[in-house]
């Protein structure tokens, strides 16, 4: 079961703020792909109250190979994976994804 652990890095001694089960939270795209959109907008699958995030900041989707891909949706602050700005990337266990003031840790057993 793939999960995202979400930390608010603005707070001292950041603890897990939220845990998201990717398999249990995904929407279904028109073509049948499993997707999850993260951002400030109430229409997102994962809504984060963070002014540094775009309304629709990033998308995580399950690939045909049963892997997980994160994509920047044209956000202002961008998507940073393990310290490197990325437009799109396949996630690996333990990856740290920075979205605004939040850090998401990808866990996949």
PDB file of N, CA and C in Angstrom:
ATOM      1  N   UNK A   1       0.838  -1.178   0.000  1.00  0.00           N
ATOM      2  CA  UNK A   1       0.000   0.000   0.000  1.00  0.00           C
ATOM      3  C   UNK A   1       0.888   1.249   0.000  1.00  0.00           C
ATOM      4  N   UNK A   2       0.823   2.019  -1.065  1.00  0.00           N
ATOM      5  CA  UNK A   2       1.611   3.244  -1.168  1.00  0.00           C
ATOM      6  C   UNK A   2       0.959   4.337  -0.333  1.00  0.00           C
ATOM      7  N   UNK A   3       1.810   5.130   0.341  1.00  0.00           N
ATOM      8  CA  UNK A   3       1.321   6.208   1.202  1.00  0.00           C
ATOM      9  C   UNK A   3       2.161   7.453   1.028  1.00  0.00           C
ATOM     10  N   UNK A   4       1.552   8.585   1.366  1.00  0.00           N
ATOM     11  CA  UNK A   4       2.266   9.851   1.474  1.00  0.00           C
ATOM     12  C   UNK A   4       2.162  10.308   2.920  1.00  0.00           C
ATOM     13  N   UNK A   5       3.288  10.632   3.516  1.00  0.00           N
ATOM     14  CA  UNK A   5       3.299  11.255   4.830  1.00  0.00           C
ATOM     15  C   UNK A   5       3.520  12.738   4.582  1.00  0.00           C
ATOM     16  N   UNK A   6       2.645  13.580   5.106  1.00  0.00           N
ATOM     17  CA  UNK A   6       2.709  15.018   4.837  1.00  0.00           C
ATOM     18  C   UNK A   6       3.145  15.749   6.099  1.00  0.00           C
ATOM     19  N   UNK A   7       4.204  16.559   5.961  1.00  0.00           N
ATOM     20  CA  UNK A   7       4.765  17.343   7.052  1.00  0.00           C
ATOM     21  C   UNK A   7       4.616  18.826   6.740  1.00  0.00           C
ATOM     22  N   UNK A   8       4.293  19.630   7.747  1.00  0.00           N
ATOM     23  CA  UNK A   8       4.305  21.082   7.607  1.00  0.00           C
ATOM     24  C   UNK A   8       5.686  21.539   8.050  1.00  0.00           C
ATOM     25  N   UNK A   9       6.533  21.905   7.103  1.00  0.00           N
ATOM     26  CA  UNK A   9       7.918  22.236   7.428  1.00  0.00           C
ATOM     27  C   UNK A   9       8.075  23.644   8.001  1.00  0.00           C
ATOM     28  N   UNK A  10       6.983  24.399   8.124  1.00  0.00           N
ATOM     29  CA  UNK A  10       7.018  25.715   8.754  1.00  0.00           C
ATOM     30  C   UNK A  10       7.044  25.592  10.274  1.00  0.00           C
ATOM     31  N   UNK A  11       6.608  24.456  10.787  1.00  0.00           N
ATOM     32  CA  UNK A  11       6.545  24.259  12.229  1.00  0.00           C
ATOM     33  C   UNK A  11       7.829  23.610  12.727  1.00  0.00           C
ATOM     34  N   UNK A  12       8.305  24.092  13.875  1.00  0.00           N
ATOM     35  CA  UNK A  12       9.515  23.515  14.463  1.00  0.00           C
ATOM     36  C   UNK A  12       9.239  22.062  14.852  1.00  0.00           C
ATOM     37  N   UNK A  13      10.204  21.207  14.607  1.00  0.00           N
ATOM     38  CA  UNK A  13      10.058  19.789  14.934  1.00  0.00           C
ATOM     39  C   UNK A  13       8.893  19.154  14.192  1.00  0.00           C
ATOM     40  N   UNK A  14       8.844  19.408  12.905  1.00  0.00           N
ATOM     41  CA  UNK A  14       7.717  18.968  12.074  1.00  0.00           C
ATOM     42  C   UNK A  14       7.398  17.493  12.281  1.00  0.00           C
ATOM     43  N   UNK A  15       6.126  17.240  12.589  1.00  0.00           N
ATOM     44  CA  UNK A  15       5.626  15.884  12.756  1.00  0.00           C
ATOM     45  C   UNK A  15       4.663  15.601  11.614  1.00  0.00           C
ATOM     46  N   UNK A  16       4.335  14.356  11.437  1.00  0.00           N
ATOM     47  CA  UNK A  16       3.395  13.991  10.374  1.00  0.00           C
ATOM     48  C   UNK A  16       2.072  14.696  10.645  1.00  0.00           C
ATOM     49  N   UNK A  17       1.666  15.513   9.694  1.00  0.00           N
ATOM     50  CA  UNK A  17       0.420  16.275   9.788  1.00  0.00           C
ATOM     51  C   UNK A  17      -0.750  15.437   9.271  1.00  0.00           C
ATOM     52  N   UNK A  18      -0.433  14.629   8.275  1.00  0.00           N
ATOM     53  CA  UNK A  18      -1.479  13.849   7.614  1.00  0.00           C
ATOM     54  C   UNK A  18      -0.839  12.671   6.893  1.00  0.00           C
ATOM     55  N   UNK A  19      -1.568  11.569   6.810  1.00  0.00           N
ATOM     56  CA  UNK A  19      -1.108  10.404   6.071  1.00  0.00           C
ATOM     57  C   UNK A  19      -2.170  10.080   5.032  1.00  0.00           C
ATOM     58  N   UNK A  20      -1.734   9.885   3.784  1.00  0.00           N
ATOM     59  CA  UNK A  20      -2.663   9.634   2.686  1.00  0.00           C
ATOM     60  C   UNK A  20      -2.361   8.265   2.083  1.00  0.00           C
ATOM     61  N   UNK A  21      -3.369   7.406   2.076  1.00  0.00           N
ATOM     62  CA  UNK A  21      -3.284   6.101   1.428  1.00  0.00           C
ATOM     63  C   UNK A  21      -3.578   6.336  -0.055  1.00  0.00           C
ATOM     64  N   UNK A  22      -2.575   6.220  -0.905  1.00  0.00           N
ATOM     65  CA  UNK A  22      -2.771   6.541  -2.322  1.00  0.00           C
ATOM     66  C   UNK A  22      -3.822   5.657  -2.971  1.00  0.00           C
ATOM     67  N   UNK A  23      -3.808   4.378  -2.690  1.00  0.00           N
ATOM     68  CA  UNK A  23      -4.775   3.475  -3.317  1.00  0.00           C
ATOM     69  C   UNK A  23      -6.207   3.795  -2.908  1.00  0.00           C
ATOM     70  N   UNK A  24      -6.396   4.292  -1.696  1.00  0.00           N
ATOM     71  CA  UNK A  24      -7.737   4.557  -1.212  1.00  0.00           C
ATOM     72  C   UNK A  24      -8.244   5.962  -1.475  1.00  0.00           C
ATOM     73  N   UNK A  25      -7.404   6.851  -2.035  1.00  0.00           N
ATOM     74  CA  UNK A  25      -7.770   8.252  -2.190  1.00  0.00           C
ATOM     75  C   UNK A  25      -7.902   8.677  -3.640  1.00  0.00           C
ATOM     76  N   UNK A  26      -7.478   7.846  -4.565  1.00  0.00           N
ATOM     77  CA  UNK A  26      -7.393   8.258  -5.954  1.00  0.00           C
ATOM     78  C   UNK A  26      -8.741   8.387  -6.643  1.00  0.00           C
ATOM     79  N   UNK A  27      -8.807   9.381  -7.521  1.00  0.00           N
ATOM     80  CA  UNK A  27      -9.946   9.543  -8.416  1.00  0.00           C
ATOM     81  C   UNK A  27      -9.639   8.749  -9.675  1.00  0.00           C
ATOM     82  N   UNK A  28     -10.583   8.702 -10.573  1.00  0.00           N
ATOM     83  CA  UNK A  28     -10.360   8.008 -11.827  1.00  0.00           C
ATOM     84  C   UNK A  28     -10.470   9.004 -12.970  1.00  0.00           C
ATOM     85  N   UNK A  29      -9.447   9.067 -13.800  1.00  0.00           N
ATOM     86  CA  UNK A  29      -9.452   9.962 -14.958  1.00  0.00           C
ATOM     87  C   UNK A  29     -10.358   9.374 -16.038  1.00  0.00           C
ATOM     88  N   UNK A  30     -10.673  10.190 -17.032  1.00  0.00           N
ATOM     89  CA  UNK A  30     -11.551   9.759 -18.127  1.00  0.00           C
ATOM     90  C   UNK A  30     -11.017   8.501 -18.820  1.00  0.00           C
ATOM     91  N   UNK A  31      -9.694   8.366 -18.877  1.00  0.00           N
ATOM     92  CA  UNK A  31      -9.110   7.203 -19.549  1.00  0.00           C
ATOM     93  C   UNK A  31      -8.884   6.024 -18.583  1.00  0.00           C
ATOM     94  N   UNK A  32      -9.417   6.132 -17.359  1.00  0.00           N
ATOM     95  CA  UNK A  32      -9.317   5.029 -16.419  1.00  0.00           C
ATOM     96  C   UNK A  32      -8.099   5.052 -15.506  1.00  0.00           C
ATOM     97  N   UNK A  33      -7.179   6.002 -15.708  1.00  0.00           N
ATOM     98  CA  UNK A  33      -5.994   6.084 -14.847  1.00  0.00           C
ATOM     99  C   UNK A  33      -6.375   6.546 -13.449  1.00  0.00           C
ATOM    100  N   UNK A  34      -5.675   6.028 -12.455  1.00  0.00           N
ATOM    101  CA  UNK A  34      -5.877   6.457 -11.076  1.00  0.00           C
ATOM    102  C   UNK A  34      -5.034   7.706 -10.846  1.00  0.00           C
ATOM    103  N   UNK A  35      -5.670   8.789 -10.382  1.00  0.00           N
ATOM    104  CA  UNK A  35      -4.956  10.047 -10.168  1.00  0.00           C
ATOM    105  C   UNK A  35      -5.344  10.671  -8.831  1.00  0.00           C
ATOM    106  N   UNK A  36      -4.476  11.535  -8.339  1.00  0.00           N
ATOM    107  CA  UNK A  36      -4.712  12.289  -7.120  1.00  0.00           C
ATOM    108  C   UNK A  36      -4.152  13.690  -7.360  1.00  0.00           C
ATOM    109  N   UNK A  37      -4.951  14.720  -7.120  1.00  0.00           N
ATOM    110  CA  UNK A  37      -4.501  16.099  -7.294  1.00  0.00           C
ATOM    111  C   UNK A  37      -4.351  16.735  -5.919  1.00  0.00           C
ATOM    112  N   UNK A  38      -3.226  17.429  -5.725  1.00  0.00           N
ATOM    113  CA  UNK A  38      -2.902  18.085  -4.457  1.00  0.00           C
ATOM    114  C   UNK A  38      -2.856  19.589  -4.691  1.00  0.00           C
ATOM    115  N   UNK A  39      -3.456  20.350  -3.791  1.00  0.00           N
ATOM    116  CA  UNK A  39      -3.410  21.801  -3.889  1.00  0.00           C
ATOM    117  C   UNK A  39      -4.283  22.460  -2.845  1.00  0.00           C
ATOM    118  N   UNK A  40      -4.494  23.786  -3.009  1.00  0.00           N
ATOM    119  CA  UNK A  40      -5.323  24.550  -2.072  1.00  0.00           C
ATOM    120  C   UNK A  40      -6.813  24.461  -2.374  1.00  0.00           C
ATOM    121  N   UNK A  41      -7.175  24.183  -3.613  1.00  0.00           N
ATOM    122  CA  UNK A  41      -8.565  24.202  -4.033  1.00  0.00           C
ATOM    123  C   UNK A  41      -9.378  23.100  -3.345  1.00  0.00           C
ATOM    124  N   UNK A  42     -10.606  23.428  -2.931  1.00  0.00           N
ATOM    125  CA  UNK A  42     -11.469  22.404  -2.346  1.00  0.00           C
ATOM    126  C   UNK A  42     -11.801  21.272  -3.323  1.00  0.00           C
ATOM    127  N   UNK A  43     -11.603  21.491  -4.618  1.00  0.00           N
ATOM    128  CA  UNK A  43     -11.863  20.452  -5.609  1.00  0.00           C
ATOM    129  C   UNK A  43     -10.726  19.430  -5.709  1.00  0.00           C
ATOM    130  N   UNK A  44      -9.603  19.663  -5.031  1.00  0.00           N
ATOM    131  CA  UNK A  44      -8.478  18.723  -5.066  1.00  0.00           C
ATOM    132  C   UNK A  44      -8.797  17.495  -4.215  1.00  0.00           C
ATOM    133  N   UNK A  45      -8.130  16.390  -4.522  1.00  0.00           N
ATOM    134  CA  UNK A  45      -8.282  15.165  -3.740  1.00  0.00           C
ATOM    135  C   UNK A  45      -7.640  15.313  -2.366  1.00  0.00           C
ATOM    136  N   UNK A  46      -6.493  16.013  -2.315  1.00  0.00           N
ATOM    137  CA  UNK A  46      -5.821  16.321  -1.054  1.00  0.00           C
ATOM    138  C   UNK A  46      -5.714  17.840  -0.973  1.00  0.00           C
ATOM    139  N   UNK A  47      -6.465  18.426  -0.052  1.00  0.00           N
ATOM    140  CA  UNK A  47      -6.489  19.882   0.112  1.00  0.00           C
ATOM    141  C   UNK A  47      -5.558  20.249   1.261  1.00  0.00           C
ATOM    142  N   UNK A  48      -4.604  21.151   0.961  1.00  0.00           N
ATOM    143  CA  UNK A  48      -3.672  21.620   1.984  1.00  0.00           C
ATOM    144  C   UNK A  48      -3.817  23.133   2.123  1.00  0.00           C
ATOM    145  N   UNK A  49      -4.055  23.586   3.342  1.00  0.00           N
ATOM    146  CA  UNK A  49      -4.211  25.009   3.620  1.00  0.00           C
ATOM    147  C   UNK A  49      -2.823  25.629   3.734  1.00  0.00           C
ATOM    148  N   UNK A  50      -2.284  26.023   2.597  1.00  0.00           N
ATOM    149  CA  UNK A  50      -0.921  26.554   2.534  1.00  0.00           C
ATOM    150  C   UNK A  50      -0.881  27.599   1.424  1.00  0.00           C
ATOM    151  N   UNK A  51      -0.727  28.892   1.766  1.00  0.00           N
ATOM    152  CA  UNK A  51      -0.745  29.941   0.746  1.00  0.00           C
ATOM    153  C   UNK A  51       0.402  29.841  -0.268  1.00  0.00           C
ATOM    154  N   UNK A  52       1.427  29.047   0.048  1.00  0.00           N
ATOM    155  CA  UNK A  52       2.538  28.905  -0.905  1.00  0.00           C
ATOM    156  C   UNK A  52       2.229  27.868  -1.995  1.00  0.00           C
ATOM    157  N   UNK A  53       1.098  27.166  -1.860  1.00  0.00           N
ATOM    158  CA  UNK A  53       0.694  26.191  -2.870  1.00  0.00           C
ATOM    159  C   UNK A  53      -0.235  26.828  -3.887  1.00  0.00           C
ATOM    160  N   UNK A  54      -0.206  26.318  -5.097  1.00  0.00           N
ATOM    161  CA  UNK A  54      -1.167  26.724  -6.117  1.00  0.00           C
ATOM    162  C   UNK A  54      -2.483  26.010  -5.854  1.00  0.00           C
ATOM    163  N   UNK A  55      -3.550  26.512  -6.476  1.00  0.00           N
ATOM    164  CA  UNK A  55      -4.859  25.870  -6.278  1.00  0.00           C
ATOM    165  C   UNK A  55      -4.806  24.402  -6.694  1.00  0.00           C
ATOM    166  N   UNK A  56      -4.222  24.121  -7.849  1.00  0.00           N
ATOM    167  CA  UNK A  56      -3.982  22.746  -8.324  1.00  0.00           C
ATOM    168  C   UNK A  56      -2.480  22.659  -8.542  1.00  0.00           C
ATOM    169  N   UNK A  57      -1.775  22.162  -7.561  1.00  0.00           N
ATOM    170  CA  UNK A  57      -0.314  22.247  -7.542  1.00  0.00           C
ATOM    171  C   UNK A  57       0.370  21.060  -8.237  1.00  0.00           C
ATOM    172  N   UNK A  58      -0.040  19.852  -7.865  1.00  0.00           N
ATOM    173  CA  UNK A  58       0.635  18.660  -8.387  1.00  0.00           C
ATOM    174  C   UNK A  58      -0.358  17.514  -8.539  1.00  0.00           C
ATOM    175  N   UNK A  59       0.027  16.570  -9.386  1.00  0.00           N
ATOM    176  CA  UNK A  59      -0.792  15.381  -9.613  1.00  0.00           C
ATOM    177  C   UNK A  59       0.082  14.146  -9.379  1.00  0.00           C
ATOM    178  N   UNK A  60      -0.497  13.151  -8.718  1.00  0.00           N
ATOM    179  CA  UNK A  60       0.170  11.853  -8.575  1.00  0.00           C
ATOM    180  C   UNK A  60      -0.721  10.844  -9.265  1.00  0.00           C
ATOM    181  N   UNK A  61      -0.118  10.028 -10.110  1.00  0.00           N
ATOM    182  CA  UNK A  61      -0.905   9.025 -10.831  1.00  0.00           C
ATOM    183  C   UNK A  61      -0.183   7.696 -10.842  1.00  0.00           C
ATOM    184  N   UNK A  62      -0.969   6.649 -10.914  1.00  0.00           N
ATOM    185  CA  UNK A  62      -0.426   5.293 -10.994  1.00  0.00           C
ATOM    186  C   UNK A  62      -0.203   4.980 -12.469  1.00  0.00           C
ATOM    187  N   UNK A  63       0.984   4.508 -12.801  1.00  0.00           N
ATOM    188  CA  UNK A  63       1.319   4.202 -14.187  1.00  0.00           C
ATOM    189  C   UNK A  63       0.874   2.784 -14.531  1.00  0.00           C
ATOM    190  N   UNK A  64       0.957   2.459 -15.801  1.00  0.00           N
ATOM    191  CA  UNK A  64       0.625   1.110 -16.254  1.00  0.00           C
ATOM    192  C   UNK A  64       1.534   0.067 -15.612  1.00  0.00           C
ATOM    193  N   UNK A  65       2.732   0.487 -15.249  1.00  0.00           N
ATOM    194  CA  UNK A  65       3.707  -0.427 -14.642  1.00  0.00           C
ATOM    195  C   UNK A  65       3.527  -0.528 -13.130  1.00  0.00           C
ATOM    196  N   UNK A  66       2.401   0.016 -12.622  1.00  0.00           N
ATOM    197  CA  UNK A  66       2.106   0.005 -11.192  1.00  0.00           C
ATOM    198  C   UNK A  66       3.119   0.781 -10.382  1.00  0.00           C
ATOM    199  N   UNK A  67       3.636   1.829 -10.966  1.00  0.00           N
ATOM    200  CA  UNK A  67       4.514   2.757 -10.260  1.00  0.00           C
ATOM    201  C   UNK A  67       3.746   4.053 -10.093  1.00  0.00           C
ATOM    202  N   UNK A  68       4.322   4.989  -9.353  1.00  0.00           N
ATOM    203  CA  UNK A  68       3.668   6.266  -9.066  1.00  0.00           C
ATOM    204  C   UNK A  68       4.475   7.407  -9.665  1.00  0.00           C
ATOM    205  N   UNK A  69       3.800   8.304 -10.358  1.00  0.00           N
ATOM    206  CA  UNK A  69       4.449   9.450 -11.016  1.00  0.00           C
ATOM    207  C   UNK A  69       3.859  10.733 -10.445  1.00  0.00           C
ATOM    208  N   UNK A  70       4.736  11.700 -10.117  1.00  0.00           N
ATOM    209  CA  UNK A  70       4.282  13.019  -9.701  1.00  0.00           C
ATOM    210  C   UNK A  70       4.557  13.999 -10.831  1.00  0.00           C
ATOM    211  N   UNK A  71       3.618  14.909 -11.047  1.00  0.00           N
ATOM    212  CA  UNK A  71       3.748  15.916 -12.104  1.00  0.00           C
ATOM    213  C   UNK A  71       3.364  17.282 -11.551  1.00  0.00           C
ATOM    214  N   UNK A  72       4.131  18.288 -11.925  1.00  0.00           N
ATOM    215  CA  UNK A  72       3.803  19.676 -11.593  1.00  0.00           C
ATOM    216  C   UNK A  72       2.681  20.118 -12.524  1.00  0.00           C
ATOM    217  N   UNK A  73       1.662  20.756 -11.984  1.00  0.00           N
ATOM    218  CA  UNK A  73       0.531  21.217 -12.796  1.00  0.00           C
ATOM    219  C   UNK A  73       0.659  22.700 -13.133  1.00  0.00           C
ATOM    220  N   UNK A  74       1.888  23.157 -13.363  1.00  0.00           N
ATOM    221  CA  UNK A  74       2.117  24.563 -13.704  1.00  0.00           C
ATOM    222  C   UNK A  74       2.104  25.470 -12.484  1.00  0.00           C
ATOM    223  N   UNK A  75       2.460  24.925 -11.336  1.00  0.00           N
ATOM    224  CA  UNK A  75       2.432  25.683 -10.087  1.00  0.00           C
ATOM    225  C   UNK A  75       3.482  26.789 -10.083  1.00  0.00           C
ATOM    226  N   UNK A  76       3.274  27.765  -9.220  1.00  0.00           N
ATOM    227  CA  UNK A  76       4.228  28.869  -9.087  1.00  0.00           C
ATOM    228  C   UNK A  76       5.483  28.414  -8.353  1.00  0.00           C
ATOM    229  N   UNK A  77       5.314  27.692  -7.250  1.00  0.00           N
ATOM    230  CA  UNK A  77       6.449  27.274  -6.421  1.00  0.00           C
ATOM    231  C   UNK A  77       7.147  26.030  -6.943  1.00  0.00           C
ATOM    232  N   UNK A  78       6.489  25.270  -7.801  1.00  0.00           N
ATOM    233  CA  UNK A  78       7.093  24.081  -8.383  1.00  0.00           C
ATOM    234  C   UNK A  78       7.021  22.856  -7.492  1.00  0.00           C
ATOM    235  N   UNK A  79       7.567  21.766  -8.018  1.00  0.00           N
ATOM    236  CA  UNK A  79       7.659  20.488  -7.323  1.00  0.00           C
ATOM    237  C   UNK A  79       9.143  20.165  -7.204  1.00  0.00           C
ATOM    238  N   UNK A  80       9.595  19.918  -5.988  1.00  0.00           N
ATOM    239  CA  UNK A  80      11.007  19.622  -5.740  1.00  0.00           C
ATOM    240  C   UNK A  80      11.089  18.224  -5.134  1.00  0.00           C
ATOM    241  N   UNK A  81      11.808  17.336  -5.808  1.00  0.00           N
ATOM    242  CA  UNK A  81      11.954  15.956  -5.330  1.00  0.00           C
ATOM    243  C   UNK A  81      13.409  15.743  -4.924  1.00  0.00           C
ATOM    244  N   UNK A  82      13.604  15.413  -3.664  1.00  0.00           N
ATOM    245  CA  UNK A  82      14.947  15.187  -3.116  1.00  0.00           C
ATOM    246  C   UNK A  82      15.888  16.353  -3.425  1.00  0.00           C
ATOM    247  N   UNK A  83      15.366  17.568  -3.297  1.00  0.00           N
ATOM    248  CA  UNK A  83      16.184  18.768  -3.481  1.00  0.00           C
ATOM    249  C   UNK A  83      16.314  19.253  -4.911  1.00  0.00           C
ATOM    250  N   UNK A  84      15.705  18.565  -5.876  1.00  0.00           N
ATOM    251  CA  UNK A  84      15.822  18.953  -7.288  1.00  0.00           C
ATOM    252  C   UNK A  84      14.456  19.311  -7.871  1.00  0.00           C
ATOM    253  N   UNK A  85      14.351  20.473  -8.508  1.00  0.00           N
ATOM    254  CA  UNK A  85      13.090  20.836  -9.163  1.00  0.00           C
ATOM    255  C   UNK A  85      12.780  19.851 -10.294  1.00  0.00           C
ATOM    256  N   UNK A  86      11.528  19.445 -10.389  1.00  0.00           N
ATOM    257  CA  UNK A  86      11.109  18.463 -11.393  1.00  0.00           C
ATOM    258  C   UNK A  86       9.778  18.878 -12.001  1.00  0.00           C
ATOM    259  N   UNK A  87       9.598  18.605 -13.266  1.00  0.00           N
ATOM    260  CA  UNK A  87       8.287  18.747 -13.895  1.00  0.00           C
ATOM    261  C   UNK A  87       7.497  17.456 -13.735  1.00  0.00           C
ATOM    262  N   UNK A  88       8.246  16.339 -13.789  1.00  0.00           N
ATOM    263  CA  UNK A  88       7.614  15.029 -13.706  1.00  0.00           C
ATOM    264  C   UNK A  88       8.674  14.022 -13.284  1.00  0.00           C
ATOM    265  N   UNK A  89       8.259  13.041 -12.454  1.00  0.00           N
ATOM    266  CA  UNK A  89       9.225  12.041 -12.014  1.00  0.00           C
ATOM    267  C   UNK A  89       8.499  10.824 -11.466  1.00  0.00           C
ATOM    268  N   UNK A  90       9.057   9.644 -11.718  1.00  0.00           N
ATOM    269  CA  UNK A  90       8.575   8.428 -11.075  1.00  0.00           C
ATOM    270  C   UNK A  90       9.087   8.438  -9.636  1.00  0.00           C
ATOM    271  N   UNK A  91       8.201   8.175  -8.709  1.00  0.00           N
ATOM    272  CA  UNK A  91       8.579   8.212  -7.300  1.00  0.00           C
ATOM    273  C   UNK A  91       9.197   6.894  -6.862  1.00  0.00           C
ATOM    274  N   UNK A  92      10.169   7.004  -5.981  1.00  0.00           N
ATOM    275  CA  UNK A  92      10.843   5.845  -5.389  1.00  0.00           C
ATOM    276  C   UNK A  92      10.592   5.869  -3.885  1.00  0.00           C
ATOM    277  N   UNK A  93      10.611   4.711  -3.264  1.00  0.00           N
ATOM    278  CA  UNK A  93      10.425   4.623  -1.817  1.00  0.00           C
ATOM    279  C   UNK A  93      11.376   5.578  -1.098  1.00  0.00           C
ATOM    280  N   UNK A  94      10.824   6.379  -0.180  1.00  0.00           N
ATOM    281  CA  UNK A  94      11.634   7.303   0.611  1.00  0.00           C
ATOM    282  C   UNK A  94      11.834   8.666  -0.008  1.00  0.00           C
ATOM    283  N   UNK A  95      11.383   8.881  -1.251  1.00  0.00           N
ATOM    284  CA  UNK A  95      11.524  10.206  -1.875  1.00  0.00           C
ATOM    285  C   UNK A  95      10.854  11.261  -1.009  1.00  0.00           C
ATOM    286  N   UNK A  96      11.495  12.431  -0.933  1.00  0.00           N
ATOM    287  CA  UNK A  96      10.944  13.582  -0.233  1.00  0.00           C
ATOM    288  C   UNK A  96      10.546  14.615  -1.285  1.00  0.00           C
ATOM    289  N   UNK A  97       9.266  14.959  -1.306  1.00  0.00           N
ATOM    290  CA  UNK A  97       8.716  15.878  -2.291  1.00  0.00           C
ATOM    291  C   UNK A  97       8.325  17.160  -1.573  1.00  0.00           C
ATOM    292  N   UNK A  98       8.850  18.270  -2.047  1.00  0.00           N
ATOM    293  CA  UNK A  98       8.528  19.568  -1.444  1.00  0.00           C
ATOM    294  C   UNK A  98       7.519  20.288  -2.321  1.00  0.00           C
ATOM    295  N   UNK A  99       6.384  20.642  -1.707  1.00  0.00           N
ATOM    296  CA  UNK A  99       5.347  21.443  -2.357  1.00  0.00           C
ATOM    297  C   UNK A  99       5.106  22.630  -1.436  1.00  0.00           C
ATOM    298  N   UNK A 100       5.577  23.789  -1.822  1.00  0.00           N
ATOM    299  CA  UNK A 100       5.421  24.970  -0.962  1.00  0.00           C
ATOM    300  C   UNK A 100       6.064  24.733   0.389  1.00  0.00           C
ATOM    301  N   UNK A 101       5.287  24.919   1.468  1.00  0.00           N
ATOM    302  CA  UNK A 101       5.796  24.712   2.828  1.00  0.00           C
ATOM    303  C   UNK A 101       5.538  23.304   3.347  1.00  0.00           C
ATOM    304  N   UNK A 102       5.146  22.406   2.472  1.00  0.00           N
ATOM    305  CA  UNK A 102       4.879  21.028   2.871  1.00  0.00           C
ATOM    306  C   UNK A 102       5.924  20.099   2.272  1.00  0.00           C
ATOM    307  N   UNK A 103       6.261  19.075   3.031  1.00  0.00           N
ATOM    308  CA  UNK A 103       7.110  18.001   2.536  1.00  0.00           C
ATOM    309  C   UNK A 103       6.291  16.726   2.582  1.00  0.00           C
ATOM    310  N   UNK A 104       6.303  16.017   1.480  1.00  0.00           N
ATOM    311  CA  UNK A 104       5.601  14.742   1.367  1.00  0.00           C
ATOM    312  C   UNK A 104       6.658  13.657   1.259  1.00  0.00           C
ATOM    313  N   UNK A 105       6.549  12.648   2.094  1.00  0.00           N
ATOM    314  CA  UNK A 105       7.468  11.512   2.008  1.00  0.00           C
ATOM    315  C   UNK A 105       6.700  10.350   1.395  1.00  0.00           C
ATOM    316  N   UNK A 106       7.254   9.796   0.304  1.00  0.00           N
ATOM    317  CA  UNK A 106       6.611   8.701  -0.395  1.00  0.00           C
ATOM    318  C   UNK A 106       7.040   7.378   0.225  1.00  0.00           C
ATOM    319  N   UNK A 107       6.054   6.572   0.605  1.00  0.00           N
ATOM    320  CA  UNK A 107       6.316   5.239   1.165  1.00  0.00           C
ATOM    321  C   UNK A 107       5.601   4.212   0.318  1.00  0.00           C
ATOM    322  N   UNK A 108       6.327   3.223  -0.114  1.00  0.00           N
ATOM    323  CA  UNK A 108       5.747   2.122  -0.879  1.00  0.00           C
ATOM    324  C   UNK A 108       6.480   0.859  -0.462  1.00  0.00           C
ATOM    325  N   UNK A 109       5.778  -0.043   0.224  1.00  0.00           N
ATOM    326  CA  UNK A 109       6.466  -1.218   0.789  1.00  0.00           C
ATOM    327  C   UNK A 109       7.221  -2.059  -0.195  1.00  0.00           C
TER     328      UNK A 109
END
